[in-house]
Amino acid sequence: MVGCVIVVNSQIIGEGYTSTYGGPHAEVNAIRSVKDLNLLKKATLYVTLEPCSHHGKTPPCSDLILKYKIPKVVIGCIDPHKKVSGKGIERLRAHGCEVLVGTEEALCRKHHKRFLTYHTKKRPYIILKWAETKNGFVAPFEKNEKRPFWISGKLSRQLVHQWRAEEQAVLVGANTVIQDNPRLTTRHVNGKNPTRVVLTKSDNLSKKYAIFNKDAETITINIKSLKPNSPLVNQICNELYNKKITSLIVEGGPKTIQLFIDENLWDEARIFKASQAMKDGIKAPKLLTNNETAMVLGNDQLYFSFNEFD
């Protein structure tokens, strides 16, 4: 979500952020919020991402800035979209607007990490998530019921639902569907359900499972239909990119998560480590990283890792 603030003499006179898809951009909403439009002729407009210069769902924001003769624009980071990519900056400068680029760029790039990843790496922003016991197991070998085996606590599980509401899609393998019968929704928080993605080895996965209910869209990707001699996860990412999936949580199972780790196709890992141990069971994915932070959540430890392979 792009953010925009308009300032005159160190006072904020307007602010706005991007509307839902197809709606007005941040600059438009910020300008509309200004009560005295005459002030715009001596204002500075601050925006986290380069103003667009092309006609899409909405008219170019750069044209609106020029229309109101805003003399100075401060931009956090350049928009890598092929229809923008510096063209908005060029248009503003060509018409006499002073443009500064790269102010708080690291923070702006972090804020727009999903959008930037999608357009520069041609794949979704990928978050790996799992819960494990303190001695590294994610589940017993056998269960009495086809339902999730809870390792993390209630607070942790509620947080996962919040994360799902923040991302566009969530992915699991077919074995997780068969063994756990998950819904993969946001039912414990207020938020939109993500698109559900299931990796299968056939087209015969029964539609009786909860993941195929009407709560959200479900996409299946048959990995047997992909090229056998090409990296598997890279092909999965291409499929999701072509479906315009900008962000993805990979929730399981451990073999599926390990595929993403082994191909180094991930951006964040969020790992719950519980206080209890298990004598034996299915081992957690193996992720080697030194870039890790932790926080306490009830009886769980939550670890965050970030991939810096760029």
Protein backbone atom coordinates (compact mmCIF):
# COMPACT_ATOMS: atom_id res chain seq x y z
CA MET A 1 0.00 0.00 0.00
CA VAL A 2 1.47 3.33 -1.11
CA GLY A 3 1.32 6.23 1.32
CA CYS A 4 1.36 9.96 0.52
CA VAL A 5 1.61 13.11 2.64
CA ILE A 6 1.42 16.73 1.43
CA VAL A 7 3.22 19.39 3.48
CA VAL A 8 3.34 23.21 3.49
CA ASN A 9 5.60 25.06 5.93
CA SER A 10 6.13 21.89 8.00
CA GLN A 11 2.38 21.39 8.35
CA ILE A 12 0.54 18.39 6.90
CA ILE A 13 -2.33 19.61 4.73
CA GLY A 14 -3.23 16.33 3.07
CA GLU A 15 -2.64 12.60 3.33
CA GLY A 16 -3.83 9.45 1.64
CA TYR A 17 -3.07 5.85 0.77
CA THR A 18 -3.86 3.55 -2.13
CA SER A 19 -7.47 2.41 -2.39
CA THR A 20 -8.47 -1.16 -3.13
CA TYR A 21 -7.53 -2.53 -6.56
CA GLY A 22 -8.79 -0.30 -9.34
CA GLY A 23 -9.46 2.66 -7.03
CA PRO A 24 -7.64 5.99 -6.67
CA HIS A 25 -3.93 5.95 -5.87
CA ALA A 26 -2.35 7.46 -2.77
CA GLU A 27 -1.47 10.77 -4.46
CA VAL A 28 -5.04 11.24 -5.67
CA ASN A 29 -6.51 10.57 -2.23
CA ALA A 30 -3.98 12.88 -0.58
CA ILE A 31 -4.75 15.74 -2.98
CA ARG A 32 -8.49 15.19 -2.53
CA SER A 33 -8.06 15.51 1.24
CA VAL A 34 -6.59 19.04 0.96
CA LYS A 35 -9.16 21.65 1.97
CA ASP A 36 -7.49 24.64 0.30
CA LEU A 37 -6.21 23.52 -3.11
CA ASN A 38 -4.43 26.86 -3.61
CA LEU A 39 -1.86 25.71 -1.05
CA LEU A 40 -0.70 22.97 -3.42
CA LYS A 41 1.26 25.52 -5.47
CA LYS A 42 3.75 25.85 -2.61
CA ALA A 43 3.55 22.31 -1.20
CA THR A 44 5.90 19.35 -1.05
CA LEU A 45 4.38 15.96 -1.80
CA TYR A 46 6.00 12.95 -0.09
CA VAL A 47 5.20 9.50 -1.48
CA THR A 48 6.64 6.06 -0.71
CA LEU A 49 6.62 4.85 -4.35
CA GLU A 50 7.19 6.69 -7.64
CA PRO A 51 4.00 8.27 -9.06
CA CYS A 52 2.66 6.45 -12.11
CA SER A 53 2.81 8.03 -15.56
CA HIS A 54 0.53 5.74 -17.57
CA HIS A 55 -3.19 5.15 -17.99
CA GLY A 56 -4.25 1.96 -16.21
CA LYS A 57 -7.28 1.49 -13.99
CA THR A 58 -6.83 5.20 -13.14
CA PRO A 59 -5.26 8.23 -14.87
CA PRO A 60 -1.54 9.01 -14.29
CA CYS A 61 -0.77 10.44 -10.86
CA SER A 62 2.10 12.46 -12.33
CA ASP A 63 -0.42 14.36 -14.49
CA LEU A 64 -2.50 15.22 -11.43
CA ILE A 65 0.58 16.51 -9.59
CA LEU A 66 1.40 18.72 -12.60
CA LYS A 67 -2.23 19.87 -12.90
CA TYR A 68 -2.11 21.34 -9.40
CA LYS A 69 1.42 22.73 -9.94
CA ILE A 70 2.91 21.02 -6.89
CA PRO A 71 6.52 22.28 -7.06
CA LYS A 72 8.37 19.53 -5.17
CA VAL A 73 7.97 15.77 -4.92
CA VAL A 74 9.96 13.51 -2.57
CA ILE A 75 9.92 9.80 -3.51
CA GLY A 76 10.95 6.87 -1.34
CA CYS A 77 11.74 4.36 -4.10
CA ILE A 78 11.39 3.88 -7.84
CA ASP A 79 8.47 1.79 -9.13
CA PRO A 80 9.95 -1.22 -11.01
CA HIS A 81 6.74 -1.87 -12.97
CA LYS A 82 7.66 -1.85 -16.67
CA LYS A 83 5.07 0.85 -17.38
CA VAL A 84 6.57 3.18 -14.78
CA SER A 85 10.24 2.47 -13.87
CA GLY A 86 11.48 6.07 -13.81
CA LYS A 87 9.02 7.45 -16.35
CA GLY A 88 6.97 9.19 -13.67
CA ILE A 89 10.08 10.93 -12.36
CA GLU A 90 11.14 11.95 -15.90
CA ARG A 91 7.70 13.41 -16.64
CA LEU A 92 7.64 15.48 -13.46
CA ARG A 93 11.16 16.83 -14.00
CA ALA A 94 10.47 17.57 -17.67
CA HIS A 95 7.68 19.92 -16.56
CA GLY A 96 9.77 21.78 -13.99
CA CYS A 97 8.92 19.85 -10.82
CA GLU A 98 11.77 19.35 -8.36
CA VAL A 99 12.03 15.62 -7.63
CA LEU A 100 14.10 13.97 -4.91
CA VAL A 101 14.44 10.18 -5.05
CA GLY A 102 15.62 7.74 -2.38
CA THR A 103 14.47 9.45 0.82
CA GLU A 104 14.14 6.72 3.49
CA GLU A 105 14.56 4.27 0.62
CA ALA A 106 15.39 1.23 2.79
CA LEU A 107 12.22 1.68 4.83
CA CYS A 108 10.11 2.23 1.72
CA ARG A 109 11.55 -0.82 0.00
CA LYS A 110 10.81 -2.89 3.10
CA HIS A 111 7.26 -1.54 3.18
CA HIS A 112 6.76 -2.43 -0.51
CA LYS A 113 8.64 -5.74 -0.37
CA ARG A 114 5.76 -7.77 -1.80
CA PHE A 115 5.19 -5.45 -4.75
CA LEU A 116 8.91 -5.10 -5.45
CA THR A 117 9.56 -8.85 -5.27
CA TYR A 118 6.69 -9.59 -7.63
CA HIS A 119 7.89 -7.12 -10.27
CA THR A 120 11.66 -7.61 -9.99
CA LYS A 121 11.92 -11.35 -9.29
CA LYS A 122 8.77 -12.36 -11.17
CA ARG A 123 7.45 -14.43 -8.27
CA PRO A 124 5.44 -13.96 -5.07
CA TYR A 125 7.00 -12.74 -1.84
CA ILE A 126 7.38 -16.06 0.01
CA ILE A 127 6.95 -16.64 3.76
CA LEU A 128 7.68 -20.05 5.27
CA LYS A 129 5.77 -20.94 8.44
CA TRP A 130 5.83 -23.93 10.75
CA ALA A 131 5.65 -24.94 14.41
CA GLU A 132 8.00 -27.44 16.02
CA THR A 133 8.68 -28.93 19.44
CA LYS A 134 11.75 -27.85 21.35
CA ASN A 135 13.56 -30.93 20.04
CA GLY A 136 12.60 -30.37 16.41
CA PHE A 137 9.47 -32.37 15.52
CA VAL A 138 6.35 -31.08 13.78
CA ALA A 139 3.95 -34.00 14.31
CA PRO A 140 3.80 -37.65 15.44
CA PHE A 141 4.15 -40.37 12.83
CA GLU A 142 0.56 -41.47 13.43
CA LYS A 143 -2.59 -39.65 14.60
CA ASN A 144 -6.01 -40.89 15.67
CA GLU A 145 -7.86 -38.18 13.73
CA LYS A 146 -7.45 -36.42 10.38
CA ARG A 147 -6.99 -32.99 11.90
CA PRO A 148 -4.06 -30.71 12.74
CA PHE A 149 -1.78 -31.77 15.59
CA TRP A 150 -1.35 -28.58 17.60
CA ILE A 151 2.17 -27.87 18.81
CA SER A 152 1.90 -24.11 19.22
CA GLY A 153 -0.50 -22.39 21.61
CA LYS A 154 -3.76 -20.54 21.04
CA LEU A 155 -2.12 -17.10 20.72
CA SER A 156 0.27 -18.41 18.09
CA ARG A 157 -2.54 -19.99 16.09
CA GLN A 158 -4.53 -16.76 16.18
CA LEU A 159 -1.49 -14.84 14.93
CA VAL A 160 -1.23 -17.24 11.97
CA HIS A 161 -4.79 -16.35 11.02
CA GLN A 162 -3.81 -12.68 11.08
CA TRP A 163 -0.85 -13.43 8.82
CA ARG A 164 -3.14 -15.21 6.37
CA ALA A 165 -5.31 -12.10 6.21
CA GLU A 166 -2.22 -10.06 5.26
CA GLU A 167 -1.09 -12.24 2.34
CA GLN A 168 -2.71 -13.13 -0.94
CA ALA A 169 -2.28 -16.92 -0.84
CA VAL A 170 -1.35 -19.85 1.38
CA LEU A 171 0.17 -23.10 0.08
CA VAL A 172 0.28 -26.70 1.36
CA GLY A 173 1.05 -30.09 -0.10
CA ALA A 174 -1.62 -32.73 -0.75
CA ASN A 175 -0.41 -34.87 2.18
CA THR A 176 -1.16 -32.02 4.58
CA VAL A 177 -4.67 -31.82 3.14
CA ILE A 178 -5.15 -35.59 3.59
CA GLN A 179 -3.65 -35.84 7.08
CA ASP A 180 -4.88 -32.56 8.63
CA ASN A 181 -7.91 -31.55 6.53
CA PRO A 182 -7.18 -27.84 7.13
CA ARG A 183 -9.45 -24.98 6.12
CA LEU A 184 -6.63 -22.41 5.82
CA THR A 185 -8.94 -19.48 6.53
CA THR A 186 -8.91 -16.39 8.75
CA ARG A 187 -11.87 -17.49 10.87
CA HIS A 188 -10.24 -16.44 14.19
CA VAL A 189 -9.68 -12.82 13.09
CA ASN A 190 -11.38 -10.20 10.96
CA GLY A 191 -9.85 -10.41 7.53
CA LYS A 192 -10.17 -11.74 4.01
CA ASN A 193 -9.46 -15.41 3.44
CA PRO A 194 -6.41 -16.01 1.25
CA THR A 195 -6.43 -17.99 -1.97
CA ARG A 196 -5.52 -21.59 -1.11
CA VAL A 197 -2.92 -23.41 -3.20
CA VAL A 198 -2.49 -27.19 -3.07
CA LEU A 199 0.42 -29.10 -4.62
CA THR A 200 -0.64 -32.52 -5.85
CA LYS A 201 0.85 -35.42 -7.78
CA SER A 202 -2.44 -36.25 -9.50
CA ASP A 203 -5.81 -34.74 -10.28
CA ASN A 204 -7.62 -37.18 -8.02
CA LEU A 205 -7.52 -35.33 -4.69
CA SER A 206 -11.03 -35.63 -3.29
CA LYS A 207 -13.13 -32.47 -3.22
CA LYS A 208 -14.57 -33.59 0.13
CA TYR A 209 -11.70 -31.94 2.00
CA ALA A 210 -12.35 -28.63 3.75
CA ILE A 211 -9.80 -26.81 1.61
CA PHE A 212 -12.23 -27.09 -1.31
CA ASN A 213 -15.14 -25.45 0.52
CA LYS A 214 -16.64 -22.14 -0.58
CA ASP A 215 -14.80 -20.01 1.99
CA ALA A 216 -12.12 -19.03 -0.54
CA GLU A 217 -10.73 -19.84 -3.96
CA THR A 218 -8.55 -22.96 -4.17
CA ILE A 219 -5.90 -23.52 -6.84
CA THR A 220 -4.35 -26.94 -7.43
CA ILE A 221 -0.98 -27.39 -9.10
CA ASN A 222 -0.20 -30.89 -10.33
CA ILE A 223 3.58 -31.13 -10.05
CA LYS A 224 3.57 -34.16 -12.36
CA SER A 225 2.56 -31.80 -15.15
CA LEU A 226 5.67 -29.64 -14.64
CA LYS A 227 8.99 -30.12 -16.44
CA PRO A 228 10.86 -33.00 -14.72
CA ASN A 229 14.36 -31.66 -15.39
CA SER A 230 13.73 -28.09 -14.24
CA PRO A 231 13.75 -26.80 -10.63
CA LEU A 232 10.34 -27.65 -9.21
CA VAL A 233 9.74 -24.68 -6.91
CA ASN A 234 10.86 -22.22 -9.57
CA GLN A 235 8.14 -23.64 -11.84
CA ILE A 236 5.58 -23.40 -9.03
CA CYS A 237 6.55 -19.75 -8.54
CA ASN A 238 6.13 -19.13 -12.27
CA GLU A 239 2.63 -20.61 -12.12
CA LEU A 240 1.71 -18.35 -9.19
CA TYR A 241 3.29 -15.29 -10.84
CA ASN A 242 1.18 -15.88 -13.94
CA LYS A 243 -1.90 -16.06 -11.70
CA LYS A 244 -0.89 -12.65 -10.25
CA ILE A 245 -0.21 -14.00 -6.74
CA THR A 246 2.01 -11.35 -5.13
CA SER A 247 2.55 -12.95 -1.71
CA LEU A 248 2.46 -16.48 -0.35
CA ILE A 249 2.65 -18.30 2.99
CA VAL A 250 3.96 -21.86 2.71
CA GLU A 251 2.44 -23.70 5.69
CA GLY A 252 3.35 -27.31 5.12
CA GLY A 253 4.09 -30.01 5.29
CA PRO A 254 7.79 -30.13 6.16
CA LYS A 255 8.76 -31.76 2.85
CA THR A 256 7.00 -29.03 0.91
CA ILE A 257 8.64 -26.30 3.00
CA GLN A 258 12.03 -27.99 2.55
CA LEU A 259 11.62 -27.80 -1.23
CA PHE A 260 11.45 -24.01 -1.01
CA ILE A 261 14.46 -23.91 1.33
CA ASP A 262 16.55 -26.18 -0.89
CA GLU A 263 15.89 -24.04 -3.97
CA ASN A 264 16.53 -20.89 -1.91
CA LEU A 265 13.17 -19.48 -2.94
CA TRP A 266 11.93 -17.81 0.21
CA ASP A 267 12.05 -14.35 1.78
CA GLU A 268 10.98 -14.86 5.40
CA ALA A 269 10.68 -17.81 7.76
CA ARG A 270 8.44 -17.64 10.83
CA ILE A 271 9.03 -20.56 13.18
CA PHE A 272 7.14 -21.31 16.38
CA LYS A 273 9.11 -23.35 18.90
CA ALA A 274 7.02 -24.87 21.66
CA SER A 275 8.11 -25.65 25.22
CA GLN A 276 7.18 -29.33 25.05
CA ALA A 277 9.25 -32.13 23.54
CA MET A 278 8.26 -35.24 21.60
CA LYS A 279 10.03 -38.61 21.80
CA ASP A 280 9.82 -39.20 18.08
CA GLY A 281 7.94 -38.02 15.03
CA ILE A 282 8.16 -36.12 11.76
CA LYS A 283 11.17 -33.85 11.73
CA ALA A 284 10.90 -30.11 11.15
CA PRO A 285 12.41 -28.49 8.05
CA LYS A 286 16.11 -27.63 8.24
CA LEU A 287 16.91 -23.97 7.74
CA LEU A 288 20.46 -22.70 8.24
CA THR A 289 20.54 -18.97 8.88
CA ASN A 290 22.21 -16.54 11.23
CA ASN A 291 19.77 -13.74 10.48
CA GLU A 292 17.26 -14.54 13.24
CA THR A 293 15.24 -12.62 15.80
CA ALA A 294 12.91 -13.98 18.48
CA MET A 295 9.93 -13.02 20.60
CA VAL A 296 7.85 -14.74 23.29
CA LEU A 297 4.22 -15.56 22.52
CA GLY A 298 2.53 -17.30 25.44
CA ASN A 299 4.46 -20.53 26.02
CA ASP A 300 5.97 -20.39 22.53
CA GLN A 301 9.08 -18.80 21.10
CA LEU A 302 8.56 -17.20 17.70
CA TYR A 303 11.64 -16.92 15.50
CA PHE A 304 11.91 -14.73 12.39
CA SER A 305 14.53 -15.32 9.71
CA PHE A 306 15.09 -13.25 6.58
CA ASN A 307 16.73 -14.42 3.40
CA GLU A 308 19.36 -12.03 2.10
CA PHE A 309 20.53 -13.93 -0.96
CA ASP A 310 20.25 -10.77 -3.09
